[in-house]
Amino acid sequence: MLCAELESLEADFDDIITALENPDLKEEERKSLQRAYSQLSGKINDHHRSGHEGKPCCEEAAPE
């Protein structure tokens, strides 16, 4: 399972993609969403590379 932080980032990313699909967006709104898309993409990539001190991005399984 992905960590909660990455799940949240990816949910936000999906929301941005959905919003960008709206054909009625004003140019100003589209540019703002594109900036947010780029920033969030970078955050997700950074999280994959070093979000957990180089360890896999998965929640620990509960001890049995």
C-alpha atoms as a PDB file:
ATOM      1  CA  MET A   1       0.000   0.000   0.000  1.00  0.00           C
ATOM      2  CA  LEU A   2       1.274   3.478  -0.789  1.00  0.00           C
ATOM      3  CA  CYS A   3       1.910   5.859   2.068  1.00  0.00           C
ATOM      4  CA  ALA A   4      -0.812   8.345   2.969  1.00  0.00           C
ATOM      5  CA  GLU A   5       1.265  11.311   1.789  1.00  0.00           C
ATOM      6  CA  LEU A   6       1.764   9.868  -1.691  1.00  0.00           C
ATOM      7  CA  GLU A   7      -1.888   8.855  -1.926  1.00  0.00           C
ATOM      8  CA  SER A   8      -2.859  12.449  -1.127  1.00  0.00           C
ATOM      9  CA  LEU A   9      -0.434  13.874  -3.701  1.00  0.00           C
ATOM     10  CA  GLU A  10      -1.727  11.518  -6.375  1.00  0.00           C
ATOM     11  CA  ALA A  11      -5.362  12.365  -5.558  1.00  0.00           C
ATOM     12  CA  ASP A  12      -4.559  16.063  -5.951  1.00  0.00           C
ATOM     13  CA  PHE A  13      -2.768  15.276  -9.225  1.00  0.00           C
ATOM     14  CA  ASP A  14      -5.851  13.444 -10.526  1.00  0.00           C
ATOM     15  CA  ASP A  15      -8.025  16.423  -9.586  1.00  0.00           C
ATOM     16  CA  ILE A  16      -5.774  18.734 -11.591  1.00  0.00           C
ATOM     17  CA  ILE A  17      -5.869  16.445 -14.627  1.00  0.00           C
ATOM     18  CA  THR A  18      -9.657  16.298 -14.436  1.00  0.00           C
ATOM     19  CA  ALA A  19      -9.891  20.082 -14.158  1.00  0.00           C
ATOM     20  CA  LEU A  20      -7.597  20.537 -17.174  1.00  0.00           C
ATOM     21  CA  GLU A  21      -9.982  18.441 -19.267  1.00  0.00           C
ATOM     22  CA  ASN A  22     -12.678  21.118 -18.893  1.00  0.00           C
ATOM     23  CA  PRO A  23     -13.020  22.789 -22.321  1.00  0.00           C
ATOM     24  CA  ASP A  24     -14.581  25.887 -20.736  1.00  0.00           C
ATOM     25  CA  LEU A  25     -11.499  26.861 -18.721  1.00  0.00           C
ATOM     26  CA  LYS A  26     -10.302  30.412 -19.094  1.00  0.00           C
ATOM     27  CA  GLU A  27      -6.701  30.754 -20.236  1.00  0.00           C
ATOM     28  CA  GLU A  28      -5.690  32.170 -16.849  1.00  0.00           C
ATOM     29  CA  GLU A  29      -7.208  29.167 -15.050  1.00  0.00           C
ATOM     30  CA  ARG A  30      -5.549  26.728 -17.454  1.00  0.00           C
ATOM     31  CA  LYS A  31      -2.120  28.301 -16.899  1.00  0.00           C
ATOM     32  CA  SER A  32      -2.596  28.150 -13.135  1.00  0.00           C
ATOM     33  CA  LEU A  33      -3.574  24.483 -13.301  1.00  0.00           C
ATOM     34  CA  GLN A  34      -0.624  23.729 -15.579  1.00  0.00           C
ATOM     35  CA  ARG A  35       1.742  25.321 -13.037  1.00  0.00           C
ATOM     36  CA  ALA A  36       0.142  23.294 -10.255  1.00  0.00           C
ATOM     37  CA  TYR A  37       0.449  20.156 -12.426  1.00  0.00           C
ATOM     38  CA  SER A  38       4.155  20.771 -12.938  1.00  0.00           C
ATOM     39  CA  GLN A  39       4.826  21.497  -9.256  1.00  0.00           C
ATOM     40  CA  LEU A  40       2.879  18.488  -8.057  1.00  0.00           C
ATOM     41  CA  SER A  41       4.554  16.242 -10.591  1.00  0.00           C
ATOM     42  CA  GLY A  42       7.906  17.324  -9.155  1.00  0.00           C
ATOM     43  CA  LYS A  43       6.736  16.678  -5.598  1.00  0.00           C
ATOM     44  CA  ILE A  44       5.573  13.178  -6.517  1.00  0.00           C
ATOM     45  CA  ASN A  45       8.880  12.412  -8.242  1.00  0.00           C
ATOM     46  CA  ASP A  46      10.831  13.759  -5.261  1.00  0.00           C
ATOM     47  CA  HIS A  47       8.734  11.654  -2.919  1.00  0.00           C
ATOM     48  CA  HIS A  48       9.450   8.528  -4.966  1.00  0.00           C
ATOM     49  CA  ARG A  49      13.196   9.265  -4.921  1.00  0.00           C
ATOM     50  CA  SER A  50      13.701  10.373  -1.349  1.00  0.00           C
ATOM     51  CA  GLY A  51      10.417  10.611   0.517  1.00  0.00           C
ATOM     52  CA  HIS A  52      11.372   7.934   3.017  1.00  0.00           C
ATOM     53  CA  GLU A  53      15.117   8.304   3.217  1.00  0.00           C
ATOM     54  CA  GLY A  54      15.546   6.108   0.148  1.00  0.00           C
ATOM     55  CA  LYS A  55      13.290   3.349   1.460  1.00  0.00           C
ATOM     56  CA  PRO A  56      10.254   2.076  -0.467  1.00  0.00           C
ATOM     57  CA  CYS A  57       7.170   4.241  -0.306  1.00  0.00           C
ATOM     58  CA  CYS A  58       4.915   1.772   1.431  1.00  0.00           C
ATOM     59  CA  GLU A  59       3.274   1.794   4.794  1.00  0.00           C
ATOM     60  CA  GLU A  60       4.693  -0.712   7.212  1.00  0.00           C
ATOM     61  CA  ALA A  61       2.584  -3.786   7.746  1.00  0.00           C
ATOM     62  CA  ALA A  62       1.137  -3.930  11.238  1.00  0.00           C
ATOM     63  CA  PRO A  63       3.041  -6.347  13.471  1.00  0.00           C
ATOM     64  CA  GLU A  64       1.249  -9.646  13.932  1.00  0.00           C
END
